[in-house]
C-alpha atoms as a PDB file:
ATOM      1  CA  MET A   1     125.874  36.802 -20.943  1.00  0.00           C
ATOM      2  CA  GLU A   2     123.330  34.333 -19.243  1.00  0.00           C
ATOM      3  CA  THR A   3     122.936  31.451 -21.550  1.00  0.00           C
ATOM      4  CA  SER A   4     119.592  29.567 -21.627  1.00  0.00           C
ATOM      5  CA  PRO A   5     119.408  26.770 -19.768  1.00  0.00           C
ATOM      6  CA  THR A   6     119.594  23.028 -21.345  1.00  0.00           C
ATOM      7  CA  ALA A   7     119.795  19.153 -20.595  1.00  0.00           C
ATOM      8  CA  GLN A   8     123.597  19.135 -19.509  1.00  0.00           C
ATOM      9  CA  SER A   9     122.721  22.189 -17.053  1.00  0.00           C
ATOM     10  CA  VAL A  10     120.263  19.549 -15.380  1.00  0.00           C
ATOM     11  CA  ARG A  11     122.527  16.727 -15.819  1.00  0.00           C
ATOM     12  CA  ALA A  12     125.357  18.902 -13.655  1.00  0.00           C
ATOM     13  CA  ALA A  13     122.563  20.196 -10.918  1.00  0.00           C
ATOM     14  CA  LEU A  14     122.313  16.448 -10.971  1.00  0.00           C
ATOM     15  CA  ALA A  15     125.459  15.606 -10.934  1.00  0.00           C
ATOM     16  CA  GLU A  16     125.998  17.850  -7.704  1.00  0.00           C
ATOM     17  CA  VAL A  17     123.837  16.018  -4.977  1.00  0.00           C
ATOM     18  CA  ALA A  18     124.414  12.326  -6.382  1.00  0.00           C
ATOM     19  CA  ASN A  19     125.244   9.946  -3.496  1.00  0.00           C
ATOM     20  CA  PRO A  20     126.760   6.942  -4.798  1.00  0.00           C
ATOM     21  CA  ALA A  21     126.034   4.510  -1.095  1.00  0.00           C
ATOM     22  CA  ASP A  22     122.458   5.798  -3.021  1.00  0.00           C
ATOM     23  CA  ALA A  23     122.749   4.397  -6.122  1.00  0.00           C
ATOM     24  CA  ALA A  24     124.112   1.425  -5.181  1.00  0.00           C
ATOM     25  CA  GLN A  25     120.527   0.995  -3.000  1.00  0.00           C
ATOM     26  CA  LEU A  26     118.322   2.501  -5.851  1.00  0.00           C
ATOM     27  CA  GLN A  27     120.269   0.029  -8.128  1.00  0.00           C
ATOM     28  CA  ARG A  28     119.209  -2.995  -6.244  1.00  0.00           C
ATOM     29  CA  TYR A  29     115.294  -1.340  -5.384  1.00  0.00           C
ATOM     30  CA  PHE A  30     114.635  -0.719  -9.160  1.00  0.00           C
ATOM     31  CA  LYS A  31     115.635  -4.586  -9.957  1.00  0.00           C
ATOM     32  CA  THR A  32     118.011  -3.736 -12.407  1.00  0.00           C
ATOM     33  CA  GLY A  33     120.358  -6.606 -12.458  1.00  0.00           C
ATOM     34  CA  PRO A  34     120.301  -9.602 -15.156  1.00  0.00           C
ATOM     35  CA  GLY A  35     117.104 -10.682 -16.212  1.00  0.00           C
ATOM     36  CA  GLU A  36     115.260  -8.406 -13.892  1.00  0.00           C
ATOM     37  CA  TYR A  37     112.370  -5.767 -14.749  1.00  0.00           C
ATOM     38  CA  GLY A  38     114.912  -3.115 -14.957  1.00  0.00           C
ATOM     39  CA  GLU A  39     118.094  -4.883 -15.692  1.00  0.00           C
ATOM     40  CA  GLY A  40     120.979  -2.738 -17.152  1.00  0.00           C
ATOM     41  CA  ASP A  41     119.485   0.299 -15.635  1.00  0.00           C
ATOM     42  CA  VAL A  42     121.784   3.175 -14.182  1.00  0.00           C
ATOM     43  CA  PHE A  43     121.283   5.590 -11.145  1.00  0.00           C
ATOM     44  CA  LEU A  44     123.137   8.462  -9.957  1.00  0.00           C
ATOM     45  CA  GLY A  45     121.988   8.287  -6.412  1.00  0.00           C
ATOM     46  CA  VAL A  46     119.114  11.083  -6.604  1.00  0.00           C
ATOM     47  CA  ARG A  47     116.171  10.740  -4.362  1.00  0.00           C
ATOM     48  CA  VAL A  48     113.053  11.857  -6.041  1.00  0.00           C
ATOM     49  CA  PRO A  49     112.302  14.663  -3.803  1.00  0.00           C
ATOM     50  CA  ALA A  50     115.821  15.895  -4.835  1.00  0.00           C
ATOM     51  CA  VAL A  51     115.098  15.484  -7.968  1.00  0.00           C
ATOM     52  CA  ARG A  52     112.034  17.232  -7.931  1.00  0.00           C
ATOM     53  CA  ALA A  53     113.679  20.513  -6.009  1.00  0.00           C
ATOM     54  CA  ILE A  54     115.851  20.514  -9.494  1.00  0.00           C
ATOM     55  CA  VAL A  55     113.444  20.227 -11.925  1.00  0.00           C
ATOM     56  CA  THR A  56     111.626  23.285 -10.180  1.00  0.00           C
ATOM     57  CA  ARG A  57     114.604  25.214 -10.815  1.00  0.00           C
ATOM     58  CA  PHE A  58     114.523  24.447 -15.050  1.00  0.00           C
ATOM     59  CA  ARG A  59     110.826  24.366 -15.696  1.00  0.00           C
ATOM     60  CA  GLY A  60     110.180  26.151 -19.254  1.00  0.00           C
ATOM     61  CA  LEU A  61     113.065  24.057 -20.592  1.00  0.00           C
ATOM     62  CA  PRO A  62     112.068  23.659 -24.170  1.00  0.00           C
ATOM     63  CA  VAL A  63     110.565  20.248 -25.214  1.00  0.00           C
ATOM     64  CA  ASP A  64     113.846  19.682 -27.207  1.00  0.00           C
ATOM     65  CA  GLU A  65     115.838  19.503 -24.274  1.00  0.00           C
ATOM     66  CA  ILE A  66     113.714  17.460 -22.359  1.00  0.00           C
ATOM     67  CA  ASP A  67     114.049  14.495 -24.846  1.00  0.00           C
ATOM     68  CA  ALA A  68     117.655  14.875 -24.979  1.00  0.00           C
ATOM     69  CA  LEU A  69     117.171  14.198 -21.124  1.00  0.00           C
ATOM     70  CA  LEU A  70     114.598  11.159 -21.857  1.00  0.00           C
ATOM     71  CA  ASP A  71     116.710   9.747 -24.311  1.00  0.00           C
ATOM     72  CA  ASP A  72     119.531   9.645 -21.332  1.00  0.00           C
ATOM     73  CA  GLU A  73     120.721   6.342 -20.040  1.00  0.00           C
ATOM     74  CA  VAL A  74     120.892   7.303 -16.134  1.00  0.00           C
ATOM     75  CA  HIS A  75     117.733   6.776 -14.377  1.00  0.00           C
ATOM     76  CA  GLU A  76     117.489  10.454 -12.782  1.00  0.00           C
ATOM     77  CA  HIS A  77     118.332  12.133 -15.758  1.00  0.00           C
ATOM     78  CA  ARG A  78     115.061  10.518 -17.787  1.00  0.00           C
ATOM     79  CA  LEU A  79     112.796  11.076 -13.805  1.00  0.00           C
ATOM     80  CA  ALA A  80     114.274  14.563 -14.354  1.00  0.00           C
ATOM     81  CA  GLY A  81     112.566  14.682 -17.987  1.00  0.00           C
ATOM     82  CA  LEU A  82     109.222  13.438 -17.456  1.00  0.00           C
ATOM     83  CA  LEU A  83     109.053  15.861 -14.472  1.00  0.00           C
ATOM     84  CA  LEU A  84     110.008  18.334 -16.699  1.00  0.00           C
ATOM     85  CA  LEU A  85     107.317  17.438 -18.543  1.00  0.00           C
ATOM     86  CA  VAL A  86     104.363  17.106 -16.347  1.00  0.00           C
ATOM     87  CA  ALA A  87     105.285  20.484 -15.221  1.00  0.00           C
ATOM     88  CA  ALA A  88     104.776  21.507 -19.131  1.00  0.00           C
ATOM     89  CA  ALA A  89     101.265  20.171 -19.272  1.00  0.00           C
ATOM     90  CA  PRO A  90      99.324  22.055 -18.150  1.00  0.00           C
ATOM     91  CA  LYS A  91      99.714  24.720 -20.510  1.00  0.00           C
ATOM     92  CA  GLN A  92     100.520  22.449 -23.427  1.00  0.00           C
ATOM     93  CA  PRO A  93      99.091  19.170 -23.032  1.00  0.00           C
ATOM     94  CA  GLU A  94      98.737  18.240 -26.272  1.00  0.00           C
ATOM     95  CA  LEU A  95     102.404  18.820 -27.126  1.00  0.00           C
ATOM     96  CA  VAL A  96     103.386  17.203 -23.845  1.00  0.00           C
ATOM     97  CA  ALA A  97     101.503  13.738 -24.213  1.00  0.00           C
ATOM     98  CA  GLU A  98     102.909  13.681 -28.191  1.00  0.00           C
ATOM     99  CA  ARG A  99     105.993  13.761 -26.805  1.00  0.00           C
ATOM    100  CA  TYR A 100     105.269  11.512 -23.511  1.00  0.00           C
ATOM    101  CA  LEU A 101     103.747   9.177 -26.123  1.00  0.00           C
ATOM    102  CA  ALA A 102     106.440   9.403 -28.472  1.00  0.00           C
ATOM    103  CA  ALA A 103     109.446   8.815 -25.286  1.00  0.00           C
ATOM    104  CA  VAL A 104     107.069   5.745 -24.048  1.00  0.00           C
ATOM    105  CA  ARG A 105     107.316   4.312 -27.415  1.00  0.00           C
ATOM    106  CA  ARG A 106     110.740   4.062 -28.200  1.00  0.00           C
ATOM    107  CA  GLY A 107     111.017   2.634 -24.448  1.00  0.00           C
ATOM    108  CA  ARG A 108     112.743   5.700 -22.494  1.00  0.00           C
ATOM    109  CA  VAL A 109     109.474   5.019 -19.549  1.00  0.00           C
ATOM    110  CA  ASP A 110     110.540   1.594 -18.460  1.00  0.00           C
ATOM    111  CA  ASN A 111     110.370   1.523 -14.652  1.00  0.00           C
ATOM    112  CA  TRP A 112     107.344   1.753 -12.680  1.00  0.00           C
ATOM    113  CA  ASP A 113     107.985   5.351 -10.715  1.00  0.00           C
ATOM    114  CA  LEU A 114     108.640   6.960 -14.327  1.00  0.00           C
ATOM    115  CA  VAL A 115     105.415   5.584 -14.979  1.00  0.00           C
ATOM    116  CA  ASP A 116     103.943   6.312 -12.026  1.00  0.00           C
ATOM    117  CA  LEU A 117     105.030   9.731 -11.712  1.00  0.00           C
ATOM    118  CA  SER A 118     104.265  11.087 -15.134  1.00  0.00           C
ATOM    119  CA  ALA A 119     101.350   8.747 -16.838  1.00  0.00           C
ATOM    120  CA  PRO A 120      98.318  10.673 -15.041  1.00  0.00           C
ATOM    121  CA  GLU A 121      99.457  14.622 -16.080  1.00  0.00           C
ATOM    122  CA  ALA A 122     101.565  13.890 -19.286  1.00  0.00           C
ATOM    123  CA  LEU A 123      99.159  12.126 -20.907  1.00  0.00           C
ATOM    124  CA  GLY A 124      95.967  11.289 -18.593  1.00  0.00           C
ATOM    125  CA  GLU A 125      94.760  14.930 -18.607  1.00  0.00           C
ATOM    126  CA  ALA A 126      95.236  15.471 -22.279  1.00  0.00           C
ATOM    127  CA  LEU A 127      92.882  12.404 -22.848  1.00  0.00           C
ATOM    128  CA  VAL A 128      90.075  13.559 -20.090  1.00  0.00           C
ATOM    129  CA  ASP A 129      87.959  15.151 -22.878  1.00  0.00           C
ATOM    130  CA  GLY A 130      89.288  13.395 -26.207  1.00  0.00           C
ATOM    131  CA  ASP A 131      89.565   9.763 -28.385  1.00  0.00           C
ATOM    132  CA  ARG A 132      91.159   7.646 -25.285  1.00  0.00           C
ATOM    133  CA  GLY A 133      91.824   5.001 -28.428  1.00  0.00           C
ATOM    134  CA  VAL A 134      95.453   5.139 -27.421  1.00  0.00           C
ATOM    135  CA  LEU A 135      95.507   3.468 -24.099  1.00  0.00           C
ATOM    136  CA  ASP A 136      93.835   0.214 -26.055  1.00  0.00           C
ATOM    137  CA  ASP A 137      96.537   0.263 -28.293  1.00  0.00           C
ATOM    138  CA  LEU A 138      98.871   0.581 -24.729  1.00  0.00           C
ATOM    139  CA  ALA A 139      97.319  -1.923 -23.245  1.00  0.00           C
ATOM    140  CA  ALA A 140      97.512  -4.519 -25.656  1.00  0.00           C
ATOM    141  CA  SER A 141     101.439  -4.258 -26.278  1.00  0.00           C
ATOM    142  CA  PRO A 142     103.564  -6.718 -24.856  1.00  0.00           C
ATOM    143  CA  VAL A 143     105.985  -3.837 -23.397  1.00  0.00           C
ATOM    144  CA  LEU A 144     105.065  -3.801 -19.910  1.00  0.00           C
ATOM    145  CA  TRP A 145     105.565  -0.856 -18.995  1.00  0.00           C
ATOM    146  CA  GLU A 146     103.196   0.535 -22.380  1.00  0.00           C
ATOM    147  CA  ARG A 147     100.631  -1.421 -20.324  1.00  0.00           C
ATOM    148  CA  ARG A 148     101.292  -0.291 -16.982  1.00  0.00           C
ATOM    149  CA  VAL A 149     101.439   3.883 -18.652  1.00  0.00           C
ATOM    150  CA  ALA A 150      97.666   2.729 -20.073  1.00  0.00           C
ATOM    151  CA  VAL A 151      96.618   2.078 -16.664  1.00  0.00           C
ATOM    152  CA  LEU A 152      98.195   4.930 -14.577  1.00  0.00           C
ATOM    153  CA  ALA A 153      96.934   7.393 -17.377  1.00  0.00           C
ATOM    154  CA  THR A 154      93.492   6.973 -16.187  1.00  0.00           C
ATOM    155  CA  PHE A 155      94.089   8.352 -12.679  1.00  0.00           C
ATOM    156  CA  ALA A 156      93.198  11.179 -14.247  1.00  0.00           C
ATOM    157  CA  PHE A 157      89.609  10.464 -15.176  1.00  0.00           C
ATOM    158  CA  ILE A 158      89.327   8.800 -11.684  1.00  0.00           C
ATOM    159  CA  ARG A 159      90.152  12.277  -9.878  1.00  0.00           C
ATOM    160  CA  ARG A 160      87.191  14.043 -11.871  1.00  0.00           C
ATOM    161  CA  GLY A 161      84.784  11.078 -11.011  1.00  0.00           C
ATOM    162  CA  ASP A 162      84.849   9.235 -14.101  1.00  0.00           C
ATOM    163  CA  ALA A 163      85.998   5.502 -13.539  1.00  0.00           C
ATOM    164  CA  SER A 164      84.611   3.902 -16.609  1.00  0.00           C
ATOM    165  CA  THR A 165      88.044   3.550 -18.537  1.00  0.00           C
ATOM    166  CA  THR A 166      89.599   1.981 -15.900  1.00  0.00           C
ATOM    167  CA  LEU A 167      86.941  -0.580 -15.586  1.00  0.00           C
ATOM    168  CA  ALA A 168      87.327  -0.908 -18.613  1.00  0.00           C
ATOM    169  CA  LEU A 169      90.969  -1.752 -18.729  1.00  0.00           C
ATOM    170  CA  ALA A 170      90.992  -3.657 -15.745  1.00  0.00           C
ATOM    171  CA  ALA A 171      88.877  -6.303 -17.160  1.00  0.00           C
ATOM    172  CA  ARG A 172      90.942  -6.907 -20.289  1.00  0.00           C
ATOM    173  CA  LEU A 173      94.122  -7.028 -17.918  1.00  0.00           C
ATOM    174  CA  LEU A 174      93.243  -9.487 -15.864  1.00  0.00           C
ATOM    175  CA  GLN A 175      95.224 -11.995 -17.154  1.00  0.00           C
ATOM    176  CA  ASP A 176      97.959 -10.395 -17.761  1.00  0.00           C
ATOM    177  CA  ARG A 177     101.011 -11.959 -16.125  1.00  0.00           C
ATOM    178  CA  GLU A 178     103.108  -9.110 -14.542  1.00  0.00           C
ATOM    179  CA  ASP A 179     102.891  -8.882 -10.861  1.00  0.00           C
ATOM    180  CA  LEU A 180     103.958  -5.038 -11.652  1.00  0.00           C
ATOM    181  CA  MET A 181     100.035  -4.748 -14.066  1.00  0.00           C
ATOM    182  CA  HIS A 182      98.950  -6.704 -10.648  1.00  0.00           C
ATOM    183  CA  LYS A 183      99.586  -4.334  -8.210  1.00  0.00           C
ATOM    184  CA  ALA A 184      98.699  -1.391 -10.713  1.00  0.00           C
ATOM    185  CA  VAL A 185      95.692  -2.613 -11.535  1.00  0.00           C
ATOM    186  CA  GLY A 186      94.566  -3.714  -8.185  1.00  0.00           C
ATOM    187  CA  TRP A 187      95.679   0.506  -6.970  1.00  0.00           C
ATOM    188  CA  MET A 188      93.319   2.317  -9.611  1.00  0.00           C
ATOM    189  CA  LEU A 189      90.460  -0.230  -8.783  1.00  0.00           C
ATOM    190  CA  ARG A 190      91.437   0.907  -5.125  1.00  0.00           C
ATOM    191  CA  GLU A 191      91.138   4.723  -6.200  1.00  0.00           C
ATOM    192  CA  VAL A 192      87.867   4.494  -8.404  1.00  0.00           C
ATOM    193  CA  GLY A 193      86.434   2.763  -5.206  1.00  0.00           C
ATOM    194  CA  LYS A 194      87.934   5.710  -2.824  1.00  0.00           C
ATOM    195  CA  ARG A 195      87.191   8.411  -5.241  1.00  0.00           C
ATOM    196  CA  VAL A 196      84.517   7.776  -7.618  1.00  0.00           C
ATOM    197  CA  SER A 197      81.862   4.810  -6.862  1.00  0.00           C
ATOM    198  CA  ARG A 198      82.394   2.264  -4.090  1.00  0.00           C
ATOM    199  CA  ASP A 199      79.362   0.451  -5.762  1.00  0.00           C
ATOM    200  CA  ALA A 200      81.431   0.539  -8.766  1.00  0.00           C
ATOM    201  CA  LEU A 201      84.133  -1.339  -7.474  1.00  0.00           C
ATOM    202  CA  LEU A 202      81.962  -3.548  -5.719  1.00  0.00           C
ATOM    203  CA  GLY A 203      80.259  -4.270  -9.062  1.00  0.00           C
ATOM    204  CA  PHE A 204      83.396  -5.183 -10.927  1.00  0.00           C
ATOM    205  CA  LEU A 205      84.492  -7.558  -8.312  1.00  0.00           C
ATOM    206  CA  ASP A 206      81.723  -9.193  -8.066  1.00  0.00           C
ATOM    207  CA  ALA A 207      81.777  -9.927 -11.418  1.00  0.00           C
ATOM    208  CA  HIS A 208      85.915 -10.578 -11.360  1.00  0.00           C
ATOM    209  CA  ALA A 209      87.003 -11.575  -8.558  1.00  0.00           C
ATOM    210  CA  ALA A 210      87.091 -14.660  -9.037  1.00  0.00           C
ATOM    211  CA  ARG A 211      89.411 -14.740 -11.735  1.00  0.00           C
ATOM    212  CA  MET A 212      91.826 -11.668 -10.271  1.00  0.00           C
ATOM    213  CA  PRO A 213      95.600 -12.679  -9.295  1.00  0.00           C
ATOM    214  CA  ARG A 214      95.543 -12.097  -5.419  1.00  0.00           C
ATOM    215  CA  THR A 215      97.717  -9.137  -5.776  1.00  0.00           C
ATOM    216  CA  MET A 216      95.639  -7.219  -8.039  1.00  0.00           C
ATOM    217  CA  LEU A 217      92.507  -8.160  -5.866  1.00  0.00           C
ATOM    218  CA  SER A 218      93.901  -7.434  -2.634  1.00  0.00           C
ATOM    219  CA  TYR A 219      95.650  -4.051  -3.839  1.00  0.00           C
ATOM    220  CA  ALA A 220      91.642  -3.024  -5.119  1.00  0.00           C
ATOM    221  CA  THR A 221      90.122  -4.375  -1.692  1.00  0.00           C
ATOM    222  CA  GLU A 222      92.139  -2.780   0.550  1.00  0.00           C
ATOM    223  CA  HIS A 223      89.814   0.021   1.695  1.00  0.00           C
ATOM    224  CA  LEU A 224      86.874  -2.515   2.437  1.00  0.00           C
ATOM    225  CA  THR A 225      85.826  -4.009   5.247  1.00  0.00           C
ATOM    226  CA  PRO A 226      87.770  -6.987   6.668  1.00  0.00           C
ATOM    227  CA  GLU A 227      84.635  -9.083   5.795  1.00  0.00           C
ATOM    228  CA  GLN A 228      84.208  -8.078   2.460  1.00  0.00           C
ATOM    229  CA  ARG A 229      87.735  -8.497   1.322  1.00  0.00           C
ATOM    230  CA  VAL A 230      87.627 -12.556   3.290  1.00  0.00           C
ATOM    231  CA  ALA A 231      84.345 -12.771   1.265  1.00  0.00           C
ATOM    232  CA  TYR A 232      86.649 -11.674  -1.773  1.00  0.00           C
ATOM    233  CA  ARG A 233      89.134 -13.550  -1.482  1.00  0.00           C
ATOM    234  CA  ALA A 234      86.788 -16.746  -0.834  1.00  0.00           C
ATOM    235  CA  LEU A 235      85.332 -16.566  -4.285  1.00  0.00           C
ATOM    236  CA  ARG A 236      89.221 -17.071  -5.742  1.00  0.00           C
END
């Protein structure tokens, strides 16, 4: 009799395609050394496309089994859990958002790739027509990854032509000290200009460019003309 898939089934599938050489490279790339932002993270050596292919085989995995993956010490196990939540979100957006937030708050969404590949769909989609106050709470967190989740979740709103929450959070986070936040905020501002309104982006830059960190400003102005980029840089 065939048994239902479990978290262990996903782990076994990932182990079959793991590459130790890739694991060593990924540990360096995601800054897992002492004092770095990914300190202590453990990699099997499975690239994102391969993780996605495996996740496709396990769609519909019960959420309690997904939670077991999210609480695993191995990076790719957590990534698989997050991608399984994303796959479940269209049918169960509120449940997925609840489980996702719980995972975020217990520190399981703890590197930039994990945030970026999950926050818009697993959290943002559930908030499109709802109360977005939780994003204010996350943006005020001392935890880097919670702040990044707040910003990346707004990608779901941007895709629907709504830049309001992105702009409000960006203004709050201008003085964030983390380079990974400068990149996240700048990226979402760039998407506002690209997908919602160039004028909205320019208005934000007119008001705030003089105080924006260099990396944030660089990301935000990437699609502007060379003359506009020079002009905004000159305001700093």
